[in-house]
């Protein structure tokens, strides 16, 4: 390029650009890259301790947050925490005496619920304690503010205090609580399965509640359709689709007990769709245990409406031959028995065997379950000593003398069940002989397809129980 003075200047040729990366850089690491790698490795090895430290710091912050929240809780909320922390009846009643004037409706329900759990009937004389009377007065004063949950919880708690701890429940408190429960019985949001089950069992256990419901039923404008018993039955029917196995057993057990002391309760339930709803729940349940399956089979033996609903093959009551199965409700119970019989104690075993004797449809369903009869009989055989001795499973502090059955009751009940099962077999053999117009060989199983060794095992059980009864000198009948 020419300069201004006419001279020309030659430019150096452009240098070739070096490659962005040289293979040698990857083949032979430099000292600086090695240091970087070692630093990264050290950083990774120290990450886990730092993470643990961060988690510990987060937990500490959460604790501080909870503590700060506790400091801003209302006095009633803090009082409720104190009630829940009680571990003895004296602790609960001391709070009632000191702070009862500040109790709101939640505190009252919590106090009753905790008291029924921590009271020892052998140690705590609640009826002689003025603090317990004070708690009952708080129930009367605050129960109008109860929501469904508090009303059911307080009713259940007082029922346990009466039935298992020997505590008195006065008529005024019972009337007030029953009135609140009935007012909430139509609640679609708050009346949950556990609540209605707790209420029904409290009514069964507690004389004061039973009389209160009867008074409410008598005072109803329409005793037949809008009475107290009908409201309770419709409440149970409404929530039955959400029943689990324990809900099924608790509700059916309550009605099985009420059939004797309050037959009007069964009449009201039979007028609703309760039994169909409970039978549908029975078919769906898969969470049975020894207690729930034995109580439900016992209720199916005693409550005709429930038994008829179990006979219906499908949920809609259709007669479609493809859908209907007369035993499917009973089959659900039979499967539950076969599964949980190894964990039966003597009462469970007797209840199930008695139901098998009283309900032929249950016996037929048991025959359709592999190992069903064997499991049921094995439970009786395993618990034979307990049945013979008349030991009764009761809560640790159950008040001795309150409705304890005779020592011979389970023996007589088992003998009655054996006699009924043997009669079923004779009837089935006779029926088959008449239908087939031929004599049935004695050793062949009947239409129920009961295990071949059942007759022998029944005879052995019968002989052992009769011998035990003779030694004791007991007499009487089994019955339901």
Protein backbone atom coordinates (compact mmCIF):
# COMPACT_ATOMS: atom_id res chain seq x y z
CA UNK A 1 0.00 0.00 0.00
CA UNK A 2 1.40 3.30 -0.93
CA UNK A 3 2.16 5.76 1.78
CA UNK A 4 1.65 9.42 1.38
CA UNK A 5 5.33 9.99 0.44
CA UNK A 6 5.06 7.52 -2.42
CA UNK A 7 6.98 4.71 -0.65
CA UNK A 8 5.41 1.41 -0.44
CA UNK A 9 5.37 -0.77 2.66
CA UNK A 10 5.03 -4.53 2.46
CA UNK A 11 2.69 -6.19 5.01
CA UNK A 12 3.66 -9.38 6.69
CA UNK A 13 1.54 -12.33 5.57
CA UNK A 14 -1.20 -13.30 8.02
CA UNK A 15 -0.27 -16.07 10.46
CA UNK A 16 -2.19 -19.27 10.40
CA UNK A 17 -4.61 -19.61 13.30
CA UNK A 18 -3.63 -22.20 15.85
CA UNK A 19 -6.13 -25.02 16.26
CA UNK A 20 -8.67 -24.48 19.01
CA UNK A 21 -7.54 -27.59 20.73
CA UNK A 22 -4.48 -29.68 20.31
CA UNK A 23 -4.55 -33.44 20.68
CA UNK A 24 -1.56 -33.20 22.93
CA UNK A 25 -3.62 -31.28 25.50
CA UNK A 26 -5.85 -34.30 26.04
CA UNK A 27 -3.14 -36.90 25.89
CA UNK A 28 -0.82 -35.26 28.38
CA UNK A 29 -2.68 -33.42 31.16
CA UNK A 30 -1.00 -30.32 32.43
CA UNK A 31 -0.18 -29.76 36.04
CA UNK A 32 -2.91 -27.12 36.28
CA UNK A 33 -5.64 -29.50 35.00
CA UNK A 34 -4.51 -32.20 37.44
CA UNK A 35 -4.88 -29.79 40.30
CA UNK A 36 -8.38 -28.91 39.07
CA UNK A 37 -9.38 -32.58 38.96
CA UNK A 38 -8.11 -33.16 42.47
CA UNK A 39 -10.03 -30.13 43.66
CA UNK A 40 -13.25 -31.39 42.07
CA UNK A 41 -12.80 -34.79 43.70
CA UNK A 42 -12.23 -33.22 47.08
CA UNK A 43 -15.28 -31.02 46.58
CA UNK A 44 -17.46 -34.05 45.75
CA UNK A 45 -16.24 -35.98 48.79
CA UNK A 46 -17.14 -33.09 51.07
CA UNK A 47 -20.63 -32.63 49.55
CA UNK A 48 -22.35 -35.33 51.63
CA UNK A 49 -21.28 -33.86 55.01
CA UNK A 50 -22.40 -30.42 53.84
CA UNK A 51 -25.78 -31.89 52.79
CA UNK A 52 -26.21 -33.53 56.18
CA UNK A 53 -25.39 -30.26 57.85
CA UNK A 54 -27.96 -28.48 55.70
CA UNK A 55 -30.63 -31.06 56.64
CA UNK A 56 -29.81 -30.63 60.33
CA UNK A 57 -30.11 -26.88 59.96
CA UNK A 58 -33.46 -27.29 58.20
CA UNK A 59 -34.77 -29.48 61.02
CA UNK A 60 -33.62 -26.94 63.56
CA UNK A 61 -35.44 -24.20 61.67
CA UNK A 62 -38.61 -26.31 61.58
CA UNK A 63 -38.40 -26.86 65.34
CA UNK A 64 -37.97 -23.15 65.89
CA UNK A 65 -40.97 -22.52 63.63
CA UNK A 66 -43.12 -24.96 65.59
CA UNK A 67 -41.99 -23.47 68.88
CA UNK A 68 -42.78 -20.00 67.62
CA UNK A 69 -46.17 -21.16 66.43
CA UNK A 70 -46.85 -22.74 69.80
CA UNK A 71 -46.05 -19.44 71.47
CA UNK A 72 -48.80 -17.75 69.43
CA UNK A 73 -51.41 -20.51 69.95
CA UNK A 74 -54.58 -19.50 71.68
CA UNK A 75 -54.88 -20.39 75.38
CA UNK A 76 -57.54 -22.97 74.49
CA UNK A 77 -55.28 -24.63 71.92
CA UNK A 78 -52.40 -24.83 74.39
CA UNK A 79 -54.82 -26.21 76.97
CA UNK A 80 -55.90 -28.88 74.49
CA UNK A 81 -52.28 -29.91 74.04
CA UNK A 82 -51.92 -30.20 77.81
CA UNK A 83 -55.02 -32.42 78.00
CA UNK A 84 -53.71 -34.72 75.26
CA UNK A 85 -50.41 -35.06 77.12
CA UNK A 86 -52.10 -36.47 80.25
CA UNK A 87 -51.21 -40.04 81.16
CA UNK A 88 -53.46 -40.60 84.19
CA UNK A 89 -57.03 -39.81 85.18
CA UNK A 90 -55.79 -37.58 87.99
CA UNK A 91 -53.90 -35.44 85.47
CA UNK A 92 -57.00 -34.90 83.35
CA UNK A 93 -59.25 -34.16 86.31
CA UNK A 94 -56.69 -31.76 87.78
CA UNK A 95 -56.84 -29.72 84.57
CA UNK A 96 -60.64 -29.83 84.75
CA UNK A 97 -60.56 -28.51 88.32
CA UNK A 98 -58.00 -25.77 87.62
CA UNK A 99 -58.99 -24.61 84.16
CA UNK A 100 -62.54 -25.88 83.60
CA UNK A 101 -63.88 -22.33 83.47
CA UNK A 102 -61.67 -21.74 80.41
CA UNK A 103 -62.60 -24.97 78.60
CA UNK A 104 -64.18 -24.52 75.20
CA UNK A 105 -66.19 -27.26 73.49
CA UNK A 106 -63.08 -28.84 71.95
CA UNK A 107 -61.36 -28.99 75.35
CA UNK A 108 -64.40 -30.71 76.87
CA UNK A 109 -64.57 -33.37 74.15
CA UNK A 110 -60.82 -33.95 74.35
CA UNK A 111 -60.95 -34.30 78.13
CA UNK A 112 -63.66 -36.97 77.93
CA UNK A 113 -61.83 -38.83 75.18
CA UNK A 114 -58.49 -38.84 77.01
CA UNK A 115 -60.09 -39.70 80.36
CA UNK A 116 -61.70 -42.86 78.98
CA UNK A 117 -58.29 -44.04 77.76
CA UNK A 118 -56.21 -43.36 80.87
CA UNK A 119 -58.68 -44.31 83.61
CA UNK A 120 -57.97 -47.48 85.56
CA UNK A 121 -61.20 -48.78 87.08
CA UNK A 122 -59.33 -50.54 89.88
CA UNK A 123 -57.56 -47.38 90.94
CA UNK A 124 -59.69 -44.39 89.90
CA UNK A 125 -63.03 -44.00 91.67
CA UNK A 126 -64.59 -41.46 89.32
CA UNK A 127 -68.05 -41.57 90.87
CA UNK A 128 -66.62 -40.32 94.17
CA UNK A 129 -64.56 -37.59 92.53
CA UNK A 130 -66.09 -34.11 92.38
CA UNK A 131 -63.83 -33.29 89.44
CA UNK A 132 -65.56 -35.94 87.31
CA UNK A 133 -68.94 -34.43 88.21
CA UNK A 134 -67.49 -31.10 87.12
CA UNK A 135 -66.54 -32.58 83.75
CA UNK A 136 -70.09 -33.88 83.26
CA UNK A 137 -71.43 -30.41 83.99
CA UNK A 138 -69.07 -29.02 81.32
CA UNK A 139 -70.44 -31.59 78.87
CA UNK A 140 -73.97 -30.37 79.57
CA UNK A 141 -72.94 -26.74 79.24
CA UNK A 142 -70.75 -26.97 76.13
CA UNK A 143 -72.22 -29.79 74.06
CA UNK A 144 -74.50 -27.44 72.12
CA UNK A 145 -71.33 -26.09 70.50
CA UNK A 146 -70.10 -29.57 69.52
CA UNK A 147 -69.56 -30.36 65.90
CA UNK A 148 -70.24 -33.90 64.71
CA UNK A 149 -66.75 -35.09 65.55
CA UNK A 150 -66.78 -33.75 69.11
CA UNK A 151 -70.31 -35.03 69.75
CA UNK A 152 -69.44 -38.56 68.60
CA UNK A 153 -66.12 -38.52 70.48
CA UNK A 154 -67.70 -37.42 73.76
CA UNK A 155 -70.55 -39.93 73.41
CA UNK A 156 -68.10 -42.74 72.72
CA UNK A 157 -65.84 -41.70 75.59
CA UNK A 158 -68.65 -41.59 78.14
CA UNK A 159 -69.89 -44.96 76.87
CA UNK A 160 -66.50 -46.52 77.60
CA UNK A 161 -66.30 -44.83 81.00
CA UNK A 162 -69.67 -46.33 81.91
CA UNK A 163 -69.27 -49.82 80.43
CA UNK A 164 -65.63 -50.52 81.21
CA UNK A 165 -64.62 -48.13 83.98
CA UNK A 166 -67.77 -48.14 86.11
CA UNK A 167 -68.38 -44.39 85.84
CA UNK A 168 -71.90 -42.98 86.00
CA UNK A 169 -73.38 -40.92 83.15
CA UNK A 170 -76.28 -38.76 84.32
CA UNK A 171 -79.52 -38.42 82.38
CA UNK A 172 -79.12 -34.69 81.71
CA UNK A 173 -75.72 -35.13 80.07
CA UNK A 174 -77.03 -38.08 78.05
CA UNK A 175 -80.10 -36.17 76.86
CA UNK A 176 -78.01 -33.17 75.85
CA UNK A 177 -75.49 -35.26 73.94
CA UNK A 178 -78.10 -37.36 72.14
CA UNK A 179 -79.92 -34.22 71.05
CA UNK A 180 -76.71 -32.86 69.49
CA UNK A 181 -75.87 -36.19 67.83
CA UNK A 182 -79.33 -36.40 66.25
CA UNK A 183 -79.06 -32.81 65.04
CA UNK A 184 -75.80 -33.69 63.28
CA UNK A 185 -76.95 -37.08 61.99
CA UNK A 186 -77.94 -35.68 58.60
CA UNK A 187 -74.56 -34.02 58.03
CA UNK A 188 -73.11 -35.29 54.74
CA UNK A 189 -69.69 -33.80 55.42
CA UNK A 190 -68.98 -34.53 59.08
CA UNK A 191 -70.86 -37.75 59.90
CA UNK A 192 -68.10 -40.21 59.01
CA UNK A 193 -68.24 -44.03 59.46
CA UNK A 194 -66.25 -44.05 62.69
CA UNK A 195 -68.51 -41.40 64.21
CA UNK A 196 -71.78 -43.27 63.64
CA UNK A 197 -70.19 -46.56 64.74
CA UNK A 198 -68.98 -44.95 67.97
CA UNK A 199 -72.39 -43.44 68.66
CA UNK A 200 -74.28 -46.72 68.10
CA UNK A 201 -71.92 -48.68 70.34
CA UNK A 202 -72.14 -46.03 73.06
CA UNK A 203 -75.94 -46.30 72.96
CA UNK A 204 -75.67 -50.08 73.24
CA UNK A 205 -73.24 -49.93 76.18
CA UNK A 206 -74.73 -47.06 78.17
CA UNK A 207 -78.14 -47.24 79.83
CA UNK A 208 -78.38 -43.45 80.05
CA UNK A 209 -77.86 -43.02 76.30
CA UNK A 210 -80.32 -45.80 75.47
CA UNK A 211 -83.01 -44.15 77.59
CA UNK A 212 -82.17 -40.76 76.06
CA UNK A 213 -82.63 -42.07 72.51
CA UNK A 214 -85.92 -43.67 73.50
CA UNK A 215 -87.13 -40.38 74.94
CA UNK A 216 -86.06 -38.54 71.79
CA UNK A 217 -87.80 -41.14 69.65
CA UNK A 218 -91.01 -40.86 71.66
CA UNK A 219 -90.95 -37.07 71.41
CA UNK A 220 -90.46 -37.08 67.63
CA UNK A 221 -93.23 -35.59 65.53
CA UNK A 222 -93.21 -38.67 63.28
CA UNK A 223 -91.91 -41.57 65.40
CA UNK A 224 -92.24 -44.05 62.54
CA UNK A 225 -90.30 -42.16 59.88
CA UNK A 226 -88.57 -39.27 61.56
CA UNK A 227 -87.75 -40.69 64.97
CA UNK A 228 -84.36 -40.94 66.60
CA UNK A 229 -83.74 -44.54 65.56
CA UNK A 230 -84.61 -43.79 61.94
CA UNK A 231 -82.22 -40.83 61.90
CA UNK A 232 -79.38 -42.97 63.19
CA UNK A 233 -80.11 -45.75 60.68
CA UNK A 234 -80.20 -43.30 57.77
CA UNK A 235 -76.95 -41.74 58.95
CA UNK A 236 -75.31 -45.18 58.94
CA UNK A 237 -76.77 -45.98 55.52
CA UNK A 238 -75.47 -42.69 54.10
CA UNK A 239 -71.85 -43.35 55.08
CA UNK A 240 -71.86 -47.14 54.54
CA UNK A 241 -70.20 -46.87 51.10
CA UNK A 242 -67.07 -45.68 52.93
CA UNK A 243 -67.10 -48.47 55.54
CA UNK A 244 -63.96 -50.49 56.17
CA UNK A 245 -64.02 -53.88 57.91
CA UNK A 246 -63.94 -52.38 61.40
CA UNK A 247 -66.83 -50.04 60.57
CA UNK A 248 -68.88 -52.98 59.27
CA UNK A 249 -68.20 -55.03 62.39
CA UNK A 250 -68.83 -52.15 64.81
CA UNK A 251 -72.13 -51.09 63.25
CA UNK A 252 -73.49 -54.63 62.82
CA UNK A 253 -72.31 -55.62 66.30
CA UNK A 254 -74.13 -52.61 67.78
CA UNK A 255 -77.40 -53.55 66.08
CA UNK A 256 -76.96 -57.19 67.06
CA UNK A 257 -76.85 -56.06 70.68
CA UNK A 258 -79.69 -53.57 70.29
CA UNK A 259 -82.04 -56.24 68.92
CA UNK A 260 -82.66 -57.42 72.49
CA UNK A 261 -82.61 -54.20 74.48
CA UNK A 262 -84.19 -51.96 71.81
CA UNK A 263 -86.02 -53.95 69.11
CA UNK A 264 -87.42 -50.68 67.80
CA UNK A 265 -83.89 -49.84 66.61
CA UNK A 266 -83.96 -52.92 64.34
CA UNK A 267 -87.42 -52.03 63.07
CA UNK A 268 -86.23 -48.58 62.06
CA UNK A 269 -83.11 -49.99 60.39
CA UNK A 270 -85.16 -52.56 58.46
CA UNK A 271 -87.30 -49.76 57.05
CA UNK A 272 -84.24 -48.14 55.44
CA UNK A 273 -81.65 -49.40 52.97
CA UNK A 274 -79.06 -49.83 55.71
CA UNK A 275 -78.62 -53.59 55.44
CA UNK A 276 -78.19 -53.59 51.68
CA UNK A 277 -75.55 -50.87 52.03
CA UNK A 278 -73.72 -52.73 54.81
CA UNK A 279 -73.86 -56.01 52.87
CA UNK A 280 -72.33 -54.27 49.86
CA UNK A 281 -69.56 -52.95 52.09
CA UNK A 282 -69.03 -56.47 53.44
CA UNK A 283 -68.44 -57.77 49.93
CA UNK A 284 -65.92 -55.03 49.20
CA UNK A 285 -63.87 -55.23 52.40
CA UNK A 286 -60.38 -56.70 52.21
CA UNK A 287 -59.02 -55.43 55.54
CA UNK A 288 -60.58 -57.97 57.92
CA UNK A 289 -58.84 -59.14 61.06
CA UNK A 290 -59.75 -61.79 63.64
CA UNK A 291 -61.89 -59.42 65.70
CA UNK A 292 -63.81 -57.76 62.88
CA UNK A 293 -64.58 -60.94 60.92
CA UNK A 294 -65.80 -62.85 63.98
CA UNK A 295 -68.04 -60.01 65.19
CA UNK A 296 -69.50 -59.55 61.71
CA UNK A 297 -70.32 -63.25 61.33
CA UNK A 298 -71.93 -63.16 64.77
CA UNK A 299 -74.05 -60.18 63.70
CA UNK A 300 -75.03 -61.97 60.49
CA UNK A 301 -76.26 -64.83 62.65
CA UNK A 302 -78.34 -62.57 64.88
CA UNK A 303 -79.68 -59.83 62.58
CA UNK A 304 -82.12 -61.23 60.03
CA UNK A 305 -82.13 -58.08 57.90
CA UNK A 306 -78.36 -58.22 57.50
CA UNK A 307 -78.49 -61.96 56.72
CA UNK A 308 -81.12 -61.42 54.01
CA UNK A 309 -79.02 -58.67 52.45
CA UNK A 310 -76.01 -60.99 52.33
CA UNK A 311 -78.16 -63.50 50.43
CA UNK A 312 -78.72 -61.02 47.60
CA UNK A 313 -76.26 -61.80 44.84
CA UNK A 314 -75.51 -58.39 43.38
CA UNK A 315 -75.46 -54.84 44.66
CA UNK A 316 -78.53 -53.75 42.68
CA UNK A 317 -80.67 -56.72 43.65
CA UNK A 318 -81.11 -57.80 40.03
CA UNK A 319 -82.10 -61.33 39.16
CA UNK A 320 -79.69 -61.60 36.24
CA UNK A 321 -78.36 -65.13 36.32
CA UNK A 322 -75.00 -63.94 35.03
CA UNK A 323 -74.55 -61.57 37.95
CA UNK A 324 -76.51 -63.07 40.82
CA UNK A 325 -74.79 -65.31 43.32
CA UNK A 326 -76.86 -66.13 46.36
CA UNK A 327 -73.86 -66.74 48.56
CA UNK A 328 -71.43 -64.02 47.54
CA UNK A 329 -72.00 -61.98 50.70
CA UNK A 330 -71.56 -65.09 52.81
CA UNK A 331 -68.63 -66.11 50.64
CA UNK A 332 -66.84 -62.87 51.52
CA UNK A 333 -67.27 -63.71 55.21
CA UNK A 334 -66.16 -67.31 54.67
CA UNK A 335 -62.98 -66.18 52.95
CA UNK A 336 -62.26 -63.77 55.77
CA UNK A 337 -62.71 -66.54 58.34
CA UNK A 338 -60.42 -68.93 56.46
CA UNK A 339 -57.71 -66.28 56.26
CA UNK A 340 -57.79 -65.08 59.87
CA UNK A 341 -58.84 -68.22 61.79
CA UNK A 342 -55.20 -69.02 62.72
CA UNK A 343 -55.28 -65.88 64.90
CA UNK A 344 -58.63 -66.56 66.58
CA UNK A 345 -58.86 -66.76 70.36
CA UNK A 346 -61.59 -68.79 72.03
CA UNK A 347 -64.35 -66.20 71.70
CA UNK A 348 -63.66 -65.63 68.01
CA UNK A 349 -63.73 -69.37 67.31
CA UNK A 350 -67.01 -69.90 69.18
CA UNK A 351 -68.73 -66.95 67.48
CA UNK A 352 -67.83 -68.22 64.01
CA UNK A 353 -68.77 -71.85 64.72
CA UNK A 354 -72.09 -70.72 66.16
CA UNK A 355 -72.81 -68.66 63.04
CA UNK A 356 -72.01 -71.70 60.89
CA UNK A 357 -74.54 -73.69 62.89
CA UNK A 358 -77.30 -71.10 62.74
CA UNK A 359 -76.93 -69.98 59.11
CA UNK A 360 -76.87 -72.88 56.59
CA UNK A 361 -76.05 -70.43 53.80
CA UNK A 362 -72.87 -69.50 55.67
CA UNK A 363 -71.99 -73.19 56.01
CA UNK A 364 -72.49 -73.69 52.26
CA UNK A 365 -70.29 -70.70 51.51
CA UNK A 366 -67.59 -72.03 53.85
CA UNK A 367 -67.59 -75.28 51.86
CA UNK A 368 -66.69 -73.35 48.72
CA UNK A 369 -63.53 -71.92 50.27
CA UNK A 370 -60.47 -74.13 50.11
CA UNK A 371 -59.58 -75.12 53.65
CA UNK A 372 -62.44 -73.07 55.07
CA UNK A 373 -63.97 -75.72 57.31
CA UNK A 374 -60.59 -77.00 58.35
CA UNK A 375 -59.54 -73.49 59.45
CA UNK A 376 -62.75 -72.92 61.42
CA UNK A 377 -62.55 -76.27 63.23
CA UNK A 378 -58.82 -75.96 63.85
CA UNK A 379 -59.48 -72.65 65.62
CA UNK A 380 -61.95 -74.37 67.96
CA UNK A 381 -59.61 -77.31 68.57
CA UNK A 382 -56.67 -75.01 69.27
CA UNK A 383 -58.70 -72.98 71.79
CA UNK A 384 -60.47 -75.92 73.40
CA UNK A 385 -58.79 -75.39 76.78
CA UNK A 386 -59.94 -71.78 76.86
CA UNK A 387 -63.46 -72.74 75.86
CA UNK A 388 -63.64 -75.45 78.52
CA UNK A 389 -62.28 -73.21 81.27
CA UNK A 390 -64.65 -70.38 80.38
CA UNK A 391 -61.92 -67.75 80.19
CA UNK A 392 -63.33 -64.53 78.80
CA UNK A 393 -61.22 -61.96 76.95
CA UNK A 394 -61.87 -58.61 78.61
CA UNK A 395 -60.07 -55.27 78.82
CA UNK A 396 -57.42 -55.23 81.52
CA UNK A 397 -59.47 -53.07 83.87
CA UNK A 398 -62.96 -54.29 82.94
CA UNK A 399 -65.26 -53.94 85.93
CA UNK A 400 -65.63 -57.46 87.27
CA UNK A 401 -69.26 -58.33 87.81
CA UNK A 402 -70.75 -56.17 85.02
CA UNK A 403 -72.60 -58.55 82.72
CA UNK A 404 -69.93 -61.25 82.90
CA UNK A 405 -71.43 -64.40 81.36
CA UNK A 406 -71.48 -67.75 83.09
CA UNK A 407 -68.38 -69.87 82.77
CA UNK A 408 -70.38 -72.53 80.96
CA UNK A 409 -71.65 -70.16 78.27
CA UNK A 410 -68.99 -70.81 75.63
CA UNK A 411 -69.13 -74.57 76.19
CA UNK A 412 -72.90 -74.63 75.73
CA UNK A 413 -72.69 -72.33 72.73
CA UNK A 414 -70.14 -74.59 71.06
CA UNK A 415 -72.19 -77.71 71.76
CA UNK A 416 -75.24 -76.01 70.31
CA UNK A 417 -73.29 -75.09 67.17
CA UNK A 418 -72.02 -78.66 66.75
CA UNK A 419 -75.54 -80.05 67.09
CA UNK A 420 -76.83 -77.62 64.48
CA UNK A 421 -74.05 -78.42 62.01
CA UNK A 422 -74.72 -82.14 62.43
CA UNK A 423 -78.43 -81.49 61.85
CA UNK A 424 -77.56 -79.57 58.68
CA UNK A 425 -75.62 -82.57 57.42
CA UNK A 426 -78.49 -84.96 58.11
CA UNK A 427 -80.93 -82.62 56.39
CA UNK A 428 -78.71 -82.27 53.33
CA UNK A 429 -78.22 -86.02 53.04
CA UNK A 430 -81.96 -86.57 53.27
CA UNK A 431 -82.65 -83.87 50.69
CA UNK A 432 -80.14 -85.32 48.25
CA UNK A 433 -81.54 -88.80 48.74
CA UNK A 434 -85.04 -87.57 47.96
CA UNK A 435 -83.91 -85.61 44.91
CA UNK A 436 -81.80 -88.41 43.48
CA UNK A 437 -84.24 -91.12 44.63
CA UNK A 438 -81.41 -93.19 45.93
CA UNK A 439 -79.89 -93.83 49.31
CA UNK A 440 -76.80 -91.81 50.09
CA UNK A 441 -73.93 -93.72 51.59
CA UNK A 442 -73.26 -92.46 55.10
CA UNK A 443 -69.58 -91.72 54.53
CA UNK A 444 -70.19 -89.52 51.46
CA UNK A 445 -70.11 -85.78 51.94
CA UNK A 446 -73.39 -83.91 51.83
CA UNK A 447 -74.36 -81.12 49.45
CA UNK A 448 -72.31 -78.69 51.48
CA UNK A 449 -69.16 -80.61 50.46
CA UNK A 450 -67.81 -80.44 53.99
CA UNK A 451 -64.42 -82.04 54.61
CA UNK A 452 -64.57 -85.81 54.99
CA UNK A 453 -63.14 -85.74 58.50
CA UNK A 454 -65.65 -83.17 59.77
CA UNK A 455 -68.02 -85.69 61.43
CA UNK A 456 -65.18 -87.28 63.38
CA UNK A 457 -63.78 -83.94 64.48
CA UNK A 458 -67.20 -82.70 65.54
CA UNK A 459 -67.81 -85.81 67.60
CA UNK A 460 -64.43 -85.48 69.32
CA UNK A 461 -65.11 -81.83 70.15
CA UNK A 462 -68.58 -82.69 71.42
CA UNK A 463 -67.25 -85.47 73.67
CA UNK A 464 -64.50 -83.27 75.11
CA UNK A 465 -66.87 -80.40 75.87
CA UNK A 466 -69.53 -82.63 77.41
CA UNK A 467 -66.89 -84.21 79.62
CA UNK A 468 -65.70 -80.78 80.77
CA UNK A 469 -69.29 -79.74 81.42
CA UNK A 470 -69.98 -82.89 83.43
CA UNK A 471 -66.91 -82.32 85.60
CA UNK A 472 -68.08 -78.82 86.33
CA UNK A 473 -71.66 -79.90 86.87
CA UNK A 474 -72.93 -77.26 84.47
CA UNK A 475 -76.35 -77.42 82.91
CA UNK A 476 -78.22 -75.19 80.53
CA UNK A 477 -78.58 -74.40 76.88
CA UNK A 478 -76.44 -72.70 74.31
CA UNK A 479 -78.73 -70.48 72.30
CA UNK A 480 -77.74 -67.42 70.31
